[in-house]
Amino acid sequence: MKCPYCDYIETKVVDSRPTDEGQAIRRRRECINCGKRFTTYEKIEEIPIIVVKKDGNRQSYDRNKLLNGIIKSCEKRPVSINDIEQIVDDIEKTLSNSLEKEITSVQIGEMVMDKLKDLDEVAYVRFASVYRQFKDVNSFMTELKKLLDEGSKTRE
């Protein structure tokens, strides 16, 4: 690591500590040449994920966009923000584990609906109504019937 003061190449690590709940390492370093100390941070390099929209446009994955969409579908429902953040965390973990650099918005939407179906059926229907862009009442009723059929199968 190059010293920011004298540009000397060699430094020694004086102290290392985990930070950000173990997501990064903070290192105190000392320059071999000038003796000055400075701090560096080491963290895992994250591969940026590109979301391919339905119209073919591409944009960077945005956690807040996903989080806000789920929060909106869970408004006035007994769903905690911790549960919502856990959904987003699970989806992000799935995305990063897939090692794909691009993912479609359709795939992300399906992941959200799978998670919401188990968490809160009303939130699931709300999300599905926006995500699937129901054109009329019949397509909305078809989705509700699927949900009711799945619910009756799990109760048997």
Protein backbone atom coordinates (compact mmCIF):
# COMPACT_ATOMS: atom_id res chain seq x y z
CA MET A 1 0.00 0.00 0.00
CA LYS A 2 1.48 3.34 -1.04
CA CYS A 3 1.85 6.02 1.66
CA PRO A 4 -0.47 9.00 0.96
CA TYR A 5 2.11 11.38 2.48
CA CYS A 6 5.46 10.45 0.88
CA ASP A 7 4.37 7.95 -1.81
CA TYR A 8 6.71 5.30 -0.43
CA ILE A 9 5.59 1.80 -1.47
CA GLU A 10 6.14 -0.13 1.77
CA THR A 11 3.88 0.18 4.82
CA LYS A 12 3.18 -2.10 7.75
CA VAL A 13 -0.18 -2.95 9.28
CA VAL A 14 -0.35 -1.75 12.90
CA ASP A 15 -3.96 -2.77 13.68
CA SER A 16 -6.83 -4.61 11.92
CA ARG A 17 -10.48 -4.63 12.98
CA PRO A 18 -13.72 -5.76 11.39
CA THR A 19 -16.24 -2.98 10.64
CA ASP A 20 -19.72 -2.71 9.15
CA GLU A 21 -20.89 -5.87 10.92
CA GLY A 22 -18.01 -7.88 9.48
CA GLN A 23 -18.51 -6.62 5.92
CA ALA A 24 -15.20 -4.71 5.86
CA ILE A 25 -11.80 -4.62 7.55
CA ARG A 26 -10.32 -1.37 8.91
CA ARG A 27 -6.54 -1.35 8.88
CA ARG A 28 -4.22 1.18 10.55
CA ARG A 29 -0.98 1.36 8.59
CA GLU A 30 2.37 2.99 9.21
CA CYS A 31 4.77 4.10 6.49
CA ILE A 32 8.20 2.47 6.73
CA ASN A 33 9.81 5.62 5.27
CA CYS A 34 8.18 8.63 6.99
CA GLY A 35 6.53 6.91 9.97
CA LYS A 36 3.12 8.57 9.44
CA ARG A 37 -0.03 6.53 10.02
CA PHE A 38 -3.16 6.27 7.92
CA THR A 39 -6.28 4.13 7.69
CA THR A 40 -7.40 1.87 4.85
CA TYR A 41 -10.57 -0.17 4.42
CA GLU A 42 -10.81 -3.52 2.73
CA LYS A 43 -14.14 -4.88 1.54
CA ILE A 44 -15.46 -7.46 -0.85
CA GLU A 45 -15.73 -6.22 -4.40
CA GLU A 46 -19.33 -6.39 -5.45
CA ILE A 47 -20.18 -7.09 -9.06
CA PRO A 48 -22.72 -4.51 -10.22
CA ILE A 49 -26.02 -6.04 -11.28
CA ILE A 50 -27.81 -4.68 -14.32
CA VAL A 51 -31.60 -4.97 -14.46
CA VAL A 52 -33.11 -5.50 -17.91
CA LYS A 53 -36.52 -3.85 -17.95
CA LYS A 54 -39.54 -5.15 -19.89
CA ASP A 55 -38.94 -2.56 -22.64
CA GLY A 56 -35.31 -3.70 -23.02
CA ASN A 57 -33.74 -0.74 -21.23
CA ARG A 58 -30.95 -1.51 -18.81
CA GLN A 59 -30.28 0.17 -15.49
CA SER A 60 -28.23 -0.49 -12.39
CA TYR A 61 -29.89 -2.49 -9.65
CA ASP A 62 -31.27 -0.15 -6.98
CA ARG A 63 -31.99 -1.61 -3.55
CA ASN A 64 -34.11 1.40 -2.58
CA LYS A 65 -36.37 0.97 -5.60
CA LEU A 66 -37.05 -2.64 -4.67
CA LEU A 67 -37.48 -1.78 -0.98
CA ASN A 68 -39.93 1.04 -1.72
CA GLY A 69 -42.03 -1.15 -4.02
CA ILE A 70 -42.38 -3.80 -1.32
CA ILE A 71 -43.09 -1.20 1.37
CA LYS A 72 -45.86 0.27 -0.78
CA SER A 73 -47.50 -3.13 -1.21
CA CYS A 74 -47.28 -3.74 2.56
CA GLU A 75 -48.80 -0.40 3.61
CA LYS A 76 -51.32 -0.75 6.45
CA ARG A 77 -50.51 -4.43 6.78
CA PRO A 78 -49.03 -6.18 9.83
CA VAL A 79 -45.63 -6.56 8.15
CA SER A 80 -42.57 -5.19 9.94
CA ILE A 81 -39.85 -3.24 8.19
CA ASN A 82 -37.45 -5.97 9.36
CA ASP A 83 -39.48 -8.55 7.41
CA ILE A 84 -39.40 -6.33 4.33
CA GLU A 85 -35.65 -5.76 4.62
CA GLN A 86 -35.16 -9.52 5.04
CA ILE A 87 -37.00 -10.08 1.75
CA VAL A 88 -34.71 -7.60 -0.01
CA ASP A 89 -31.63 -9.13 1.64
CA ASP A 90 -32.70 -12.63 0.53
CA ILE A 91 -33.29 -11.45 -3.03
CA GLU A 92 -29.92 -9.66 -3.13
CA LYS A 93 -28.18 -12.77 -1.81
CA THR A 94 -29.86 -14.86 -4.52
CA LEU A 95 -28.81 -12.34 -7.18
CA SER A 96 -25.19 -12.22 -6.05
CA ASN A 97 -24.98 -16.01 -5.68
CA SER A 98 -26.25 -16.48 -9.22
CA LEU A 99 -23.10 -14.77 -10.57
CA GLU A 100 -25.22 -13.33 -13.39
CA LYS A 101 -24.34 -9.76 -14.33
CA GLU A 102 -27.76 -9.09 -15.81
CA ILE A 103 -31.18 -10.08 -14.55
CA THR A 104 -34.60 -9.22 -15.88
CA SER A 105 -37.10 -7.19 -13.90
CA VAL A 106 -39.50 -10.10 -14.49
CA GLN A 107 -37.21 -12.46 -12.54
CA ILE A 108 -36.90 -9.98 -9.66
CA GLY A 109 -40.66 -9.45 -9.62
CA GLU A 110 -41.28 -13.20 -9.42
CA MET A 111 -38.83 -13.48 -6.51
CA VAL A 112 -40.67 -10.70 -4.66
CA MET A 113 -44.05 -12.33 -5.27
CA ASP A 114 -42.79 -15.69 -4.01
CA LYS A 115 -41.59 -14.05 -0.80
CA LEU A 116 -44.73 -11.93 -0.32
CA LYS A 117 -47.04 -14.89 -0.91
CA ASP A 118 -45.60 -16.55 2.20
CA LEU A 119 -45.49 -13.35 4.23
CA ASP A 120 -48.80 -11.59 3.56
CA GLU A 121 -51.38 -12.50 0.92
CA VAL A 122 -52.86 -9.00 0.69
CA ALA A 123 -49.41 -7.49 0.09
CA TYR A 124 -48.83 -10.22 -2.50
CA VAL A 125 -52.03 -9.31 -4.38
CA ARG A 126 -51.18 -5.60 -4.23
CA PHE A 127 -47.71 -6.20 -5.61
CA ALA A 128 -49.00 -8.59 -8.25
CA SER A 129 -51.65 -6.10 -9.41
CA VAL A 130 -48.99 -3.48 -10.15
CA TYR A 131 -46.30 -5.90 -11.32
CA ARG A 132 -48.50 -7.96 -13.64
CA GLN A 133 -50.39 -4.85 -14.83
CA PHE A 134 -53.81 -6.48 -14.83
CA LYS A 135 -55.79 -5.16 -17.76
CA ASP A 136 -59.21 -5.94 -16.35
CA VAL A 137 -61.07 -7.46 -13.43
CA ASN A 138 -61.03 -10.96 -14.99
CA SER A 139 -57.24 -11.18 -15.05
CA PHE A 140 -57.18 -9.94 -11.45
CA MET A 141 -59.75 -12.57 -10.43
CA THR A 142 -57.72 -15.29 -12.17
CA GLU A 143 -54.73 -14.41 -9.98
CA LEU A 144 -56.91 -14.39 -6.85
CA LYS A 145 -58.35 -17.80 -7.72
CA LYS A 146 -54.82 -19.19 -8.11
CA LEU A 147 -53.95 -17.85 -4.68
CA LEU A 148 -57.12 -19.30 -3.14
CA ASP A 149 -56.52 -22.68 -4.80
CA GLU A 150 -52.96 -22.81 -3.45
CA GLY A 151 -54.23 -21.86 0.00
CA SER A 152 -56.83 -24.62 0.03
CA LYS A 153 -54.23 -27.21 -1.08
CA THR A 154 -51.89 -26.29 1.77
CA ARG A 155 -54.74 -26.58 4.32
CA GLU A 156 -55.64 -30.12 3.21
